Amino acid sequence: FLELRLGDDYRHFRNSGLDGDRMQLYRLAMYLSLVAGPLRLLDGD
């Protein structure tokens, strides 16, 4: 979430001890939710 929200400024919070596979999975989940949520909004007016 911080990576997505802060963009280039995330470098100040980067942590080498994080699990890369989990990061990749959670990135995918976050991106998919940012497709699904807005599409639901577009169903209405």
PDB file of all heavy atoms in Angstrom:
ATOM      1  N   PHE A   1       0.835  -1.202   0.000  1.00  0.00           N
ATOM      2  CA  PHE A   1       0.000   0.000   0.000  1.00  0.00           C
ATOM      3  C   PHE A   1       0.874   1.258   0.000  1.00  0.00           C
ATOM      4  O   PHE A   1       0.636   2.192  -0.774  1.00  0.00           O
ATOM      5  CB  PHE A   1      -0.940   0.005   1.209  1.00  0.00           C
ATOM      6  CG  PHE A   1      -1.906   1.153   1.184  1.00  0.00           C
ATOM      7  CD1 PHE A   1      -3.074   1.077   0.449  1.00  0.00           C
ATOM      8  CD2 PHE A   1      -1.644   2.315   1.898  1.00  0.00           C
ATOM      9  CE1 PHE A   1      -3.963   2.140   0.410  1.00  0.00           C
ATOM     10  CE2 PHE A   1      -2.521   3.379   1.870  1.00  0.00           C
ATOM     11  CZ  PHE A   1      -3.690   3.292   1.128  1.00  0.00           C
ATOM     12  N   LEU A   2       1.900   1.275   0.850  1.00  0.00           N
ATOM     13  CA  LEU A   2       2.806   2.431   0.903  1.00  0.00           C
ATOM     14  C   LEU A   2       3.504   2.642  -0.440  1.00  0.00           C
ATOM     15  O   LEU A   2       3.644   3.779  -0.915  1.00  0.00           O
ATOM     16  CB  LEU A   2       3.855   2.241   1.996  1.00  0.00           C
ATOM     17  CG  LEU A   2       3.401   2.466   3.421  1.00  0.00           C
ATOM     18  CD1 LEU A   2       4.458   1.961   4.401  1.00  0.00           C
ATOM     19  CD2 LEU A   2       3.091   3.937   3.665  1.00  0.00           C
ATOM     20  N   GLU A   3       3.936   1.566  -1.042  1.00  0.00           N
ATOM     21  CA  GLU A   3       4.610   1.619  -2.335  1.00  0.00           C
ATOM     22  C   GLU A   3       3.699   2.260  -3.388  1.00  0.00           C
ATOM     23  O   GLU A   3       4.120   3.138  -4.146  1.00  0.00           O
ATOM     24  CB  GLU A   3       4.980   0.187  -2.724  1.00  0.00           C
ATOM     25  CG  GLU A   3       5.746   0.006  -3.984  1.00  0.00           C
ATOM     26  CD  GLU A   3       5.993  -1.473  -4.226  1.00  0.00           C
ATOM     27  OE1 GLU A   3       5.047  -2.220  -4.549  1.00  0.00           O
ATOM     28  OE2 GLU A   3       7.150  -1.886  -4.068  1.00  0.00           O
ATOM     29  N   LEU A   4       2.459   1.824  -3.420  1.00  0.00           N
ATOM     30  CA  LEU A   4       1.496   2.357  -4.382  1.00  0.00           C
ATOM     31  C   LEU A   4       1.169   3.817  -4.072  1.00  0.00           C
ATOM     32  O   LEU A   4       1.126   4.662  -4.951  1.00  0.00           O
ATOM     33  CB  LEU A   4       0.217   1.505  -4.357  1.00  0.00           C
ATOM     34  CG  LEU A   4      -0.867   1.899  -5.334  1.00  0.00           C
ATOM     35  CD1 LEU A   4      -0.400   1.676  -6.771  1.00  0.00           C
ATOM     36  CD2 LEU A   4      -2.119   1.090  -5.068  1.00  0.00           C
ATOM     37  N   ARG A   5       0.965   4.114  -2.812  1.00  0.00           N
ATOM     38  CA  ARG A   5       0.538   5.444  -2.402  1.00  0.00           C
ATOM     39  C   ARG A   5       1.650   6.492  -2.506  1.00  0.00           C
ATOM     40  O   ARG A   5       1.406   7.624  -2.899  1.00  0.00           O
ATOM     41  CB  ARG A   5       0.041   5.391  -0.968  1.00  0.00           C
ATOM     42  CG  ARG A   5      -0.540   6.689  -0.512  1.00  0.00           C
ATOM     43  CD  ARG A   5      -1.320   6.486   0.730  1.00  0.00           C
ATOM     44  NE  ARG A   5      -2.246   7.584   0.875  1.00  0.00           N
ATOM     45  CZ  ARG A   5      -2.995   7.770   1.921  1.00  0.00           C
ATOM     46  NH1 ARG A   5      -2.969   6.901   2.898  1.00  0.00           N
ATOM     47  NH2 ARG A   5      -3.784   8.793   2.007  1.00  0.00           N
ATOM     48  N   LEU A   6       2.880   6.107  -2.173  1.00  0.00           N
ATOM     49  CA  LEU A   6       3.970   7.085  -2.109  1.00  0.00           C
ATOM     50  C   LEU A   6       4.806   7.171  -3.381  1.00  0.00           C
ATOM     51  O   LEU A   6       5.580   8.114  -3.542  1.00  0.00           O
ATOM     52  CB  LEU A   6       4.876   6.761  -0.925  1.00  0.00           C
ATOM     53  CG  LEU A   6       4.216   6.804   0.449  1.00  0.00           C
ATOM     54  CD1 LEU A   6       5.213   6.393   1.520  1.00  0.00           C
ATOM     55  CD2 LEU A   6       3.625   8.180   0.743  1.00  0.00           C
ATOM     56  N   GLY A   7       4.684   6.189  -4.262  1.00  0.00           N
ATOM     57  CA  GLY A   7       5.463   6.219  -5.505  1.00  0.00           C
ATOM     58  C   GLY A   7       6.951   6.250  -5.226  1.00  0.00           C
ATOM     59  O   GLY A   7       7.473   5.466  -4.437  1.00  0.00           O
ATOM     60  N   ASP A   8       7.660   7.201  -5.824  1.00  0.00           N
ATOM     61  CA  ASP A   8       9.117   7.298  -5.662  1.00  0.00           C
ATOM     62  C   ASP A   8       9.541   7.526  -4.219  1.00  0.00           C
ATOM     63  O   ASP A   8      10.638   7.136  -3.817  1.00  0.00           O
ATOM     64  CB  ASP A   8       9.682   8.421  -6.536  1.00  0.00           C
ATOM     65  CG  ASP A   8       9.594   8.108  -8.015  1.00  0.00           C
ATOM     66  OD1 ASP A   8       9.506   6.916  -8.376  1.00  0.00           O
ATOM     67  OD2 ASP A   8       9.606   9.062  -8.821  1.00  0.00           O
ATOM     68  N   ASP A   9       8.700   8.170  -3.430  1.00  0.00           N
ATOM     69  CA  ASP A   9       9.053   8.437  -2.032  1.00  0.00           C
ATOM     70  C   ASP A   9       9.024   7.181  -1.159  1.00  0.00           C
ATOM     71  O   ASP A   9       9.493   7.216  -0.019  1.00  0.00           O
ATOM     72  CB  ASP A   9       8.118   9.497  -1.434  1.00  0.00           C
ATOM     73  CG  ASP A   9       8.393  10.868  -2.021  1.00  0.00           C
ATOM     74  OD1 ASP A   9       9.557  11.140  -2.379  1.00  0.00           O
ATOM     75  OD2 ASP A   9       7.453  11.670  -2.122  1.00  0.00           O
ATOM     76  N   TYR A  10       8.516   6.082  -1.701  1.00  0.00           N
ATOM     77  CA  TYR A  10       8.523   4.829  -0.941  1.00  0.00           C
ATOM     78  C   TYR A  10       9.949   4.404  -0.589  1.00  0.00           C
ATOM     79  O   TYR A  10      10.163   3.721   0.409  1.00  0.00           O
ATOM     80  CB  TYR A  10       7.799   3.708  -1.696  1.00  0.00           C
ATOM     81  CG  TYR A  10       7.932   2.377  -1.015  1.00  0.00           C
ATOM     82  CD1 TYR A  10       7.255   2.121   0.175  1.00  0.00           C
ATOM     83  CD2 TYR A  10       8.764   1.387  -1.521  1.00  0.00           C
ATOM     84  CE1 TYR A  10       7.401   0.903   0.831  1.00  0.00           C
ATOM     85  CE2 TYR A  10       8.910   0.176  -0.877  1.00  0.00           C
ATOM     86  CZ  TYR A  10       8.224  -0.060   0.295  1.00  0.00           C
ATOM     87  OH  TYR A  10       8.371  -1.257   0.945  1.00  0.00           O
ATOM     88  N   ARG A  11      10.927   4.846  -1.348  1.00  0.00           N
ATOM     89  CA  ARG A  11      12.323   4.440  -1.111  1.00  0.00           C
ATOM     90  C   ARG A  11      12.756   4.718   0.325  1.00  0.00           C
ATOM     91  O   ARG A  11      13.622   4.044   0.860  1.00  0.00           O
ATOM     92  CB  ARG A  11      13.256   5.117  -2.106  1.00  0.00           C
ATOM     93  CG  ARG A  11      13.424   6.599  -1.906  1.00  0.00           C
ATOM     94  CD  ARG A  11      14.298   7.231  -3.002  1.00  0.00           C
ATOM     95  NE  ARG A  11      14.530   8.627  -2.762  1.00  0.00           N
ATOM     96  CZ  ARG A  11      13.659   9.612  -3.025  1.00  0.00           C
ATOM     97  NH1 ARG A  11      12.481   9.328  -3.557  1.00  0.00           N
ATOM     98  NH2 ARG A  11      13.963  10.864  -2.783  1.00  0.00           N
ATOM     99  N   HIS A  12      12.138   5.698   0.978  1.00  0.00           N
ATOM    100  CA  HIS A  12      12.475   6.023   2.359  1.00  0.00           C
ATOM    101  C   HIS A  12      11.975   4.961   3.345  1.00  0.00           C
ATOM    102  O   HIS A  12      12.402   4.937   4.494  1.00  0.00           O
ATOM    103  CB  HIS A  12      11.895   7.385   2.751  1.00  0.00           C
ATOM    104  CG  HIS A  12      12.385   8.496   1.881  1.00  0.00           C
ATOM    105  ND1 HIS A  12      13.688   8.949   1.897  1.00  0.00           N
ATOM    106  CD2 HIS A  12      11.742   9.244   0.947  1.00  0.00           C
ATOM    107  CE1 HIS A  12      13.823   9.929   1.025  1.00  0.00           C
ATOM    108  NE2 HIS A  12      12.659  10.130   0.440  1.00  0.00           N
ATOM    109  N   PHE A  13      11.049   4.121   2.907  1.00  0.00           N
ATOM    110  CA  PHE A  13      10.439   3.117   3.784  1.00  0.00           C
ATOM    111  C   PHE A  13      10.795   1.693   3.385  1.00  0.00           C
ATOM    112  O   PHE A  13      10.402   0.749   4.066  1.00  0.00           O
ATOM    113  CB  PHE A  13       8.916   3.277   3.769  1.00  0.00           C
ATOM    114  CG  PHE A  13       8.468   4.622   4.230  1.00  0.00           C
ATOM    115  CD1 PHE A  13       8.239   5.641   3.323  1.00  0.00           C
ATOM    116  CD2 PHE A  13       8.317   4.886   5.581  1.00  0.00           C
ATOM    117  CE1 PHE A  13       7.849   6.894   3.755  1.00  0.00           C
ATOM    118  CE2 PHE A  13       7.927   6.130   6.020  1.00  0.00           C
ATOM    119  CZ  PHE A  13       7.701   7.146   5.102  1.00  0.00           C
ATOM    120  N   ARG A  14      11.510   1.549   2.291  1.00  0.00           N
ATOM    121  CA  ARG A  14      11.860   0.222   1.778  1.00  0.00           C
ATOM    122  C   ARG A  14      12.504  -0.610   2.882  1.00  0.00           C
ATOM    123  O   ARG A  14      13.292  -0.116   3.678  1.00  0.00           O
ATOM    124  CB  ARG A  14      12.798   0.358   0.587  1.00  0.00           C
ATOM    125  CG  ARG A  14      12.932  -0.902  -0.227  1.00  0.00           C
ATOM    126  CD  ARG A  14      13.672  -0.666  -1.527  1.00  0.00           C
ATOM    127  NE  ARG A  14      13.200   0.446  -2.319  1.00  0.00           N
ATOM    128  CZ  ARG A  14      12.144   0.404  -3.143  1.00  0.00           C
ATOM    129  NH1 ARG A  14      11.453  -0.698  -3.257  1.00  0.00           N
ATOM    130  NH2 ARG A  14      11.793   1.465  -3.834  1.00  0.00           N
ATOM    131  N   ASN A  15      12.155  -1.892   2.901  1.00  0.00           N
ATOM    132  CA  ASN A  15      12.640  -2.792   3.937  1.00  0.00           C
ATOM    133  C   ASN A  15      13.121  -4.068   3.247  1.00  0.00           C
ATOM    134  O   ASN A  15      12.322  -4.796   2.653  1.00  0.00           O
ATOM    135  CB  ASN A  15      11.496  -3.096   4.913  1.00  0.00           C
ATOM    136  CG  ASN A  15      11.878  -4.020   6.024  1.00  0.00           C
ATOM    137  OD1 ASN A  15      12.790  -4.822   5.900  1.00  0.00           O
ATOM    138  ND2 ASN A  15      11.149  -3.928   7.121  1.00  0.00           N
ATOM    139  N   SER A  16      14.400  -4.350   3.329  1.00  0.00           N
ATOM    140  CA  SER A  16      14.957  -5.520   2.640  1.00  0.00           C
ATOM    141  C   SER A  16      14.546  -6.839   3.284  1.00  0.00           C
ATOM    142  O   SER A  16      14.747  -7.900   2.699  1.00  0.00           O
ATOM    143  CB  SER A  16      16.488  -5.421   2.583  1.00  0.00           C
ATOM    144  OG  SER A  16      17.018  -5.422   3.892  1.00  0.00           O
ATOM    145  N   GLY A  17      13.953  -6.792   4.473  1.00  0.00           N
ATOM    146  CA  GLY A  17      13.562  -8.016   5.157  1.00  0.00           C
ATOM    147  C   GLY A  17      12.180  -8.525   4.790  1.00  0.00           C
ATOM    148  O   GLY A  17      11.702  -9.501   5.368  1.00  0.00           O
ATOM    149  N   LEU A  18      11.526  -7.894   3.830  1.00  0.00           N
ATOM    150  CA  LEU A  18      10.171  -8.311   3.450  1.00  0.00           C
ATOM    151  C   LEU A  18      10.211  -9.507   2.504  1.00  0.00           C
ATOM    152  O   LEU A  18      11.158  -9.682   1.743  1.00  0.00           O
ATOM    153  CB  LEU A  18       9.434  -7.141   2.784  1.00  0.00           C
ATOM    154  CG  LEU A  18       9.256  -5.908   3.656  1.00  0.00           C
ATOM    155  CD1 LEU A  18       8.631  -4.779   2.853  1.00  0.00           C
ATOM    156  CD2 LEU A  18       8.413  -6.220   4.879  1.00  0.00           C
ATOM    157  N   ASP A  19       9.163 -10.301   2.532  1.00  0.00           N
ATOM    158  CA  ASP A  19       9.034 -11.483   1.681  1.00  0.00           C
ATOM    159  C   ASP A  19       8.627 -11.042   0.271  1.00  0.00           C
ATOM    160  O   ASP A  19       7.521 -10.541   0.069  1.00  0.00           O
ATOM    161  CB  ASP A  19       7.991 -12.425   2.283  1.00  0.00           C
ATOM    162  CG  ASP A  19       7.846 -13.720   1.519  1.00  0.00           C
ATOM    163  OD1 ASP A  19       7.657 -13.680   0.282  1.00  0.00           O
ATOM    164  OD2 ASP A  19       7.892 -14.783   2.162  1.00  0.00           O
ATOM    165  N   GLY A  20       9.514 -11.234  -0.686  1.00  0.00           N
ATOM    166  CA  GLY A  20       9.267 -10.806  -2.063  1.00  0.00           C
ATOM    167  C   GLY A  20       8.065 -11.474  -2.708  1.00  0.00           C
ATOM    168  O   GLY A  20       7.335 -10.844  -3.473  1.00  0.00           O
ATOM    169  N   ASP A  21       7.844 -12.760  -2.422  1.00  0.00           N
ATOM    170  CA  ASP A  21       6.695 -13.463  -2.995  1.00  0.00           C
ATOM    171  C   ASP A  21       5.385 -12.896  -2.457  1.00  0.00           C
ATOM    172  O   ASP A  21       4.420 -12.719  -3.205  1.00  0.00           O
ATOM    173  CB  ASP A  21       6.772 -14.956  -2.701  1.00  0.00           C
ATOM    174  CG  ASP A  21       7.886 -15.648  -3.471  1.00  0.00           C
ATOM    175  OD1 ASP A  21       8.309 -15.126  -4.529  1.00  0.00           O
ATOM    176  OD2 ASP A  21       8.341 -16.705  -3.013  1.00  0.00           O
ATOM    177  N   ARG A  22       5.352 -12.609  -1.155  1.00  0.00           N
ATOM    178  CA  ARG A  22       4.148 -11.991  -0.591  1.00  0.00           C
ATOM    179  C   ARG A  22       3.921 -10.603  -1.167  1.00  0.00           C
ATOM    180  O   ARG A  22       2.796 -10.221  -1.447  1.00  0.00           O
ATOM    181  CB  ARG A  22       4.253 -11.894   0.928  1.00  0.00           C
ATOM    182  CG  ARG A  22       4.039 -13.193   1.617  1.00  0.00           C
ATOM    183  CD  ARG A  22       4.041 -13.020   3.100  1.00  0.00           C
ATOM    184  NE  ARG A  22       3.971 -14.332   3.715  1.00  0.00           N
ATOM    185  CZ  ARG A  22       3.944 -14.541   4.994  1.00  0.00           C
ATOM    186  NH1 ARG A  22       3.981 -13.533   5.834  1.00  0.00           N
ATOM    187  NH2 ARG A  22       3.880 -15.767   5.467  1.00  0.00           N
ATOM    188  N   MET A  23       4.976  -9.842  -1.326  1.00  0.00           N
ATOM    189  CA  MET A  23       4.853  -8.501  -1.908  1.00  0.00           C
ATOM    190  C   MET A  23       4.231  -8.610  -3.300  1.00  0.00           C
ATOM    191  O   MET A  23       3.323  -7.852  -3.634  1.00  0.00           O
ATOM    192  CB  MET A  23       6.219  -7.817  -1.994  1.00  0.00           C
ATOM    193  CG  MET A  23       6.843  -7.449  -0.672  1.00  0.00           C
ATOM    194  SD  MET A  23       6.103  -6.020   0.122  1.00  0.00           S
ATOM    195  CE  MET A  23       6.691  -4.691  -0.920  1.00  0.00           C
ATOM    196  N   GLN A  24       4.698  -9.554  -4.081  1.00  0.00           N
ATOM    197  CA  GLN A  24       4.174  -9.717  -5.441  1.00  0.00           C
ATOM    198  C   GLN A  24       2.692 -10.122  -5.411  1.00  0.00           C
ATOM    199  O   GLN A  24       1.881  -9.587  -6.164  1.00  0.00           O
ATOM    200  CB  GLN A  24       5.003 -10.753  -6.192  1.00  0.00           C
ATOM    201  CG  GLN A  24       4.692 -10.813  -7.657  1.00  0.00           C
ATOM    202  CD  GLN A  24       5.685 -11.685  -8.415  1.00  0.00           C
ATOM    203  OE1 GLN A  24       6.528 -12.359  -7.826  1.00  0.00           O
ATOM    204  NE2 GLN A  24       5.578 -11.665  -9.722  1.00  0.00           N
ATOM    205  N   LEU A  25       2.340 -11.058  -4.533  1.00  0.00           N
ATOM    206  CA  LEU A  25       0.947 -11.485  -4.412  1.00  0.00           C
ATOM    207  C   LEU A  25       0.061 -10.329  -3.963  1.00  0.00           C
ATOM    208  O   LEU A  25      -1.007 -10.090  -4.539  1.00  0.00           O
ATOM    209  CB  LEU A  25       0.833 -12.634  -3.412  1.00  0.00           C
ATOM    210  CG  LEU A  25      -0.590 -13.077  -3.073  1.00  0.00           C
ATOM    211  CD1 LEU A  25      -1.292 -13.644  -4.301  1.00  0.00           C
ATOM    212  CD2 LEU A  25      -0.587 -14.064  -1.927  1.00  0.00           C
ATOM    213  N   TYR A  26       0.494  -9.577  -2.953  1.00  0.00           N
ATOM    214  CA  TYR A  26      -0.320  -8.472  -2.441  1.00  0.00           C
ATOM    215  C   TYR A  26      -0.401  -7.324  -3.428  1.00  0.00           C
ATOM    216  O   TYR A  26      -1.419  -6.632  -3.505  1.00  0.00           O
ATOM    217  CB  TYR A  26       0.208  -8.005  -1.081  1.00  0.00           C
ATOM    218  CG  TYR A  26       0.060  -9.056  -0.009  1.00  0.00           C
ATOM    219  CD1 TYR A  26       0.936  -9.096   1.065  1.00  0.00           C
ATOM    220  CD2 TYR A  26      -0.936 -10.029  -0.062  1.00  0.00           C
ATOM    221  CE1 TYR A  26       0.808 -10.055   2.062  1.00  0.00           C
ATOM    222  CE2 TYR A  26      -1.064 -10.996   0.913  1.00  0.00           C
ATOM    223  CZ  TYR A  26      -0.190 -11.003   1.976  1.00  0.00           C
ATOM    224  OH  TYR A  26      -0.321 -11.956   2.953  1.00  0.00           O
ATOM    225  N   ARG A  27       0.652  -7.113  -4.217  1.00  0.00           N
ATOM    226  CA  ARG A  27       0.584  -6.107  -5.279  1.00  0.00           C
ATOM    227  C   ARG A  27      -0.509  -6.484  -6.275  1.00  0.00           C
ATOM    228  O   ARG A  27      -1.327  -5.651  -6.666  1.00  0.00           O
ATOM    229  CB  ARG A  27       1.926  -6.034  -6.014  1.00  0.00           C
ATOM    230  CG  ARG A  27       2.688  -4.806  -5.733  1.00  0.00           C
ATOM    231  CD  ARG A  27       3.959  -4.737  -6.587  1.00  0.00           C
ATOM    232  NE  ARG A  27       5.057  -4.495  -5.688  1.00  0.00           N
ATOM    233  CZ  ARG A  27       6.031  -5.332  -5.408  1.00  0.00           C
ATOM    234  NH1 ARG A  27       6.113  -6.508  -5.997  1.00  0.00           N
ATOM    235  NH2 ARG A  27       6.959  -5.006  -4.548  1.00  0.00           N
ATOM    236  N   LEU A  28      -0.502  -7.751  -6.680  1.00  0.00           N
ATOM    237  CA  LEU A  28      -1.509  -8.227  -7.628  1.00  0.00           C
ATOM    238  C   LEU A  28      -2.909  -8.047  -7.042  1.00  0.00           C
ATOM    239  O   LEU A  28      -3.814  -7.549  -7.719  1.00  0.00           O
ATOM    240  CB  LEU A  28      -1.251  -9.694  -7.986  1.00  0.00           C
ATOM    241  CG  LEU A  28      -2.214 -10.328  -8.981  1.00  0.00           C
ATOM    242  CD1 LEU A  28      -2.209  -9.586 -10.301  1.00  0.00           C
ATOM    243  CD2 LEU A  28      -1.861 -11.797  -9.177  1.00  0.00           C
ATOM    244  N   ALA A  29      -3.102  -8.426  -5.787  1.00  0.00           N
ATOM    245  CA  ALA A  29      -4.408  -8.274  -5.137  1.00  0.00           C
ATOM    246  C   ALA A  29      -4.830  -6.807  -5.081  1.00  0.00           C
ATOM    247  O   ALA A  29      -5.993  -6.473  -5.332  1.00  0.00           O
ATOM    248  CB  ALA A  29      -4.363  -8.863  -3.727  1.00  0.00           C
ATOM    249  N   MET A  30      -3.899  -5.925  -4.775  1.00  0.00           N
ATOM    250  CA  MET A  30      -4.215  -4.498  -4.686  1.00  0.00           C
ATOM    251  C   MET A  30      -4.599  -3.950  -6.058  1.00  0.00           C
ATOM    252  O   MET A  30      -5.573  -3.226  -6.195  1.00  0.00           O
ATOM    253  CB  MET A  30      -3.030  -3.731  -4.102  1.00  0.00           C
ATOM    254  CG  MET A  30      -3.321  -2.295  -3.867  1.00  0.00           C
ATOM    255  SD  MET A  30      -3.201  -1.597  -2.217  1.00  0.00           S
ATOM    256  CE  MET A  30      -2.644  -2.783  -1.099  1.00  0.00           C
ATOM    257  N   TYR A  31      -3.821  -4.305  -7.076  1.00  0.00           N
ATOM    258  CA  TYR A  31      -4.131  -3.825  -8.424  1.00  0.00           C
ATOM    259  C   TYR A  31      -5.491  -4.330  -8.885  1.00  0.00           C
ATOM    260  O   TYR A  31      -6.279  -3.573  -9.470  1.00  0.00           O
ATOM    261  CB  TYR A  31      -3.057  -4.268  -9.422  1.00  0.00           C
ATOM    262  CG  TYR A  31      -1.674  -3.721  -9.165  1.00  0.00           C
ATOM    263  CD1 TYR A  31      -0.564  -4.365  -9.673  1.00  0.00           C
ATOM    264  CD2 TYR A  31      -1.458  -2.569  -8.408  1.00  0.00           C
ATOM    265  CE1 TYR A  31       0.728  -3.884  -9.454  1.00  0.00           C
ATOM    266  CE2 TYR A  31      -0.172  -2.090  -8.181  1.00  0.00           C
ATOM    267  CZ  TYR A  31       0.898  -2.745  -8.707  1.00  0.00           C
ATOM    268  OH  TYR A  31       2.168  -2.273  -8.488  1.00  0.00           O
ATOM    269  N   LEU A  32      -5.787  -5.600  -8.623  1.00  0.00           N
ATOM    270  CA  LEU A  32      -7.088  -6.142  -9.018  1.00  0.00           C
ATOM    271  C   LEU A  32      -8.231  -5.436  -8.292  1.00  0.00           C
ATOM    272  O   LEU A  32      -9.279  -5.165  -8.883  1.00  0.00           O
ATOM    273  CB  LEU A  32      -7.145  -7.653  -8.764  1.00  0.00           C
ATOM    274  CG  LEU A  32      -6.314  -8.497  -9.736  1.00  0.00           C
ATOM    275  CD1 LEU A  32      -6.271  -9.942  -9.263  1.00  0.00           C
ATOM    276  CD2 LEU A  32      -6.859  -8.397 -11.158  1.00  0.00           C
ATOM    277  N   SER A  33      -8.026  -5.109  -7.023  1.00  0.00           N
ATOM    278  CA  SER A  33      -9.084  -4.400  -6.294  1.00  0.00           C
ATOM    279  C   SER A  33      -9.266  -2.987  -6.842  1.00  0.00           C
ATOM    280  O   SER A  33     -10.371  -2.448  -6.809  1.00  0.00           O
ATOM    281  CB  SER A  33      -8.789  -4.370  -4.793  1.00  0.00           C
ATOM    282  OG  SER A  33      -7.743  -3.472  -4.499  1.00  0.00           O
ATOM    283  N   LEU A  34      -8.193  -2.412  -7.379  1.00  0.00           N
ATOM    284  CA  LEU A  34      -8.288  -1.075  -7.960  1.00  0.00           C
ATOM    285  C   LEU A  34      -8.804  -1.104  -9.398  1.00  0.00           C
ATOM    286  O   LEU A  34      -8.965  -0.060 -10.033  1.00  0.00           O
ATOM    287  CB  LEU A  34      -6.925  -0.377  -7.890  1.00  0.00           C
ATOM    288  CG  LEU A  34      -6.523   0.028  -6.466  1.00  0.00           C
ATOM    289  CD1 LEU A  34      -5.066   0.452  -6.418  1.00  0.00           C
ATOM    290  CD2 LEU A  34      -7.435   1.123  -5.938  1.00  0.00           C
ATOM    291  N   VAL A  35      -9.076  -2.276  -9.897  1.00  0.00           N
ATOM    292  CA  VAL A  35      -9.828  -2.439 -11.144  1.00  0.00           C
ATOM    293  C   VAL A  35     -11.292  -2.698 -10.795  1.00  0.00           C
ATOM    294  O   VAL A  35     -12.192  -2.033 -11.288  1.00  0.00           O
ATOM    295  CB  VAL A  35      -9.268  -3.597 -12.006  1.00  0.00           C
ATOM    296  CG1 VAL A  35     -10.190  -3.897 -13.182  1.00  0.00           C
ATOM    297  CG2 VAL A  35      -7.864  -3.268 -12.499  1.00  0.00           C
ATOM    298  N   ALA A  36     -11.520  -3.651  -9.904  1.00  0.00           N
ATOM    299  CA  ALA A  36     -12.891  -4.067  -9.580  1.00  0.00           C
ATOM    300  C   ALA A  36     -13.702  -2.951  -8.915  1.00  0.00           C
ATOM    301  O   ALA A  36     -14.864  -2.728  -9.288  1.00  0.00           O
ATOM    302  CB  ALA A  36     -12.858  -5.296  -8.670  1.00  0.00           C
ATOM    303  N   GLY A  37     -13.109  -2.262  -7.941  1.00  0.00           N
ATOM    304  CA  GLY A  37     -13.839  -1.220  -7.222  1.00  0.00           C
ATOM    305  C   GLY A  37     -14.342  -0.115  -8.140  1.00  0.00           C
ATOM    306  O   GLY A  37     -15.543   0.196  -8.161  1.00  0.00           O
ATOM    307  N   PRO A  38     -13.457   0.494  -8.929  1.00  0.00           N
ATOM    308  CA  PRO A  38     -13.915   1.536  -9.844  1.00  0.00           C
ATOM    309  C   PRO A  38     -14.921   1.037 -10.884  1.00  0.00           C
ATOM    310  O   PRO A  38     -15.835   1.769 -11.261  1.00  0.00           O
ATOM    311  CB  PRO A  38     -12.624   2.009 -10.514  1.00  0.00           C
ATOM    312  CG  PRO A  38     -11.574   1.753  -9.490  1.00  0.00           C
ATOM    313  CD  PRO A  38     -11.993   0.457  -8.832  1.00  0.00           C
ATOM    314  N   LEU A  39     -14.765  -0.203 -11.340  1.00  0.00           N
ATOM    315  CA  LEU A  39     -15.741  -0.733 -12.309  1.00  0.00           C
ATOM    316  C   LEU A  39     -17.133  -0.834 -11.688  1.00  0.00           C
ATOM    317  O   LEU A  39     -18.135  -0.590 -12.360  1.00  0.00           O
ATOM    318  CB  LEU A  39     -15.291  -2.096 -12.849  1.00  0.00           C
ATOM    319  CG  LEU A  39     -14.150  -2.055 -13.861  1.00  0.00           C
ATOM    320  CD1 LEU A  39     -13.735  -3.469 -14.259  1.00  0.00           C
ATOM    321  CD2 LEU A  39     -14.523  -1.236 -15.092  1.00  0.00           C
ATOM    322  N   ARG A  40     -17.196  -1.168 -10.393  1.00  0.00           N
ATOM    323  CA  ARG A  40     -18.496  -1.203  -9.712  1.00  0.00           C
ATOM    324  C   ARG A  40     -19.114   0.197  -9.675  1.00  0.00           C
ATOM    325  O   ARG A  40     -20.315   0.347  -9.843  1.00  0.00           O
ATOM    326  CB  ARG A  40     -18.361  -1.767  -8.305  1.00  0.00           C
ATOM    327  CG  ARG A  40     -18.263  -3.276  -8.264  1.00  0.00           C
ATOM    328  CD  ARG A  40     -18.420  -3.827  -6.855  1.00  0.00           C
ATOM    329  NE  ARG A  40     -17.374  -3.406  -5.946  1.00  0.00           N
ATOM    330  CZ  ARG A  40     -16.190  -4.007  -5.804  1.00  0.00           C
ATOM    331  NH1 ARG A  40     -15.895  -5.061  -6.535  1.00  0.00           N
ATOM    332  NH2 ARG A  40     -15.303  -3.563  -4.954  1.00  0.00           N
ATOM    333  N   LEU A  41     -18.293   1.210  -9.463  1.00  0.00           N
ATOM    334  CA  LEU A  41     -18.799   2.586  -9.466  1.00  0.00           C
ATOM    335  C   LEU A  41     -19.387   2.952 -10.824  1.00  0.00           C
ATOM    336  O   LEU A  41     -20.380   3.670 -10.917  1.00  0.00           O
ATOM    337  CB  LEU A  41     -17.682   3.575  -9.123  1.00  0.00           C
ATOM    338  CG  LEU A  41     -17.188   3.590  -7.697  1.00  0.00           C
ATOM    339  CD1 LEU A  41     -15.996   4.539  -7.574  1.00  0.00           C
ATOM    340  CD2 LEU A  41     -18.291   3.988  -6.738  1.00  0.00           C
ATOM    341  N   LEU A  42     -18.753   2.458 -11.874  1.00  0.00           N
ATOM    342  CA  LEU A  42     -19.194   2.795 -13.226  1.00  0.00           C
ATOM    343  C   LEU A  42     -20.484   2.097 -13.626  1.00  0.00           C
ATOM    344  O   LEU A  42     -21.090   2.452 -14.640  1.00  0.00           O
ATOM    345  CB  LEU A  42     -18.084   2.489 -14.237  1.00  0.00           C
ATOM    346  CG  LEU A  42     -16.853   3.371 -14.102  1.00  0.00           C
ATOM    347  CD1 LEU A  42     -15.751   2.894 -15.042  1.00  0.00           C
ATOM    348  CD2 LEU A  42     -17.187   4.826 -14.354  1.00  0.00           C
ATOM    349  N   ASP A  43     -20.929   1.107 -12.849  1.00  0.00           N
ATOM    350  CA  ASP A  43     -22.219   0.460 -13.118  1.00  0.00           C
ATOM    351  C   ASP A  43     -23.376   1.419 -12.913  1.00  0.00           C
ATOM    352  O   ASP A  43     -24.438   1.253 -13.498  1.00  0.00           O
ATOM    353  CB  ASP A  43     -22.417  -0.758 -12.206  1.00  0.00           C
ATOM    354  CG  ASP A  43     -21.687  -1.980 -12.713  1.00  0.00           C
ATOM    355  OD1 ASP A  43     -21.278  -1.976 -13.894  1.00  0.00           O
ATOM    356  OD2 ASP A  43     -21.524  -2.930 -11.930  1.00  0.00           O
ATOM    357  N   GLY A  44     -23.182   2.414 -12.077  1.00  0.00           N
ATOM    358  CA  GLY A  44     -24.235   3.385 -11.789  1.00  0.00           C
ATOM    359  C   GLY A  44     -23.990   4.683 -12.536  1.00  0.00           C
ATOM    360  O   GLY A  44     -23.370   4.716 -13.596  1.00  0.00           O
ATOM    361  N   ASP A  45     -24.467   5.753 -11.960  1.00  0.00           N
ATOM    362  CA  ASP A  45     -24.331   7.062 -12.599  1.00  0.00           C
ATOM    363  C   ASP A  45     -23.240   7.900 -11.932  1.00  0.00           C
ATOM    364  O   ASP A  45     -23.382   9.097 -11.740  1.00  0.00           O
ATOM    365  CB  ASP A  45     -25.667   7.801 -12.591  1.00  0.00           C
ATOM    366  CG  ASP A  45     -26.218   8.007 -11.185  1.00  0.00           C
ATOM    367  OD1 ASP A  45     -25.677   7.421 -10.224  1.00  0.00           O
ATOM    368  OD2 ASP A  45     -27.201   8.764 -11.055  1.00  0.00           O
TER     369      ASP A  45
END
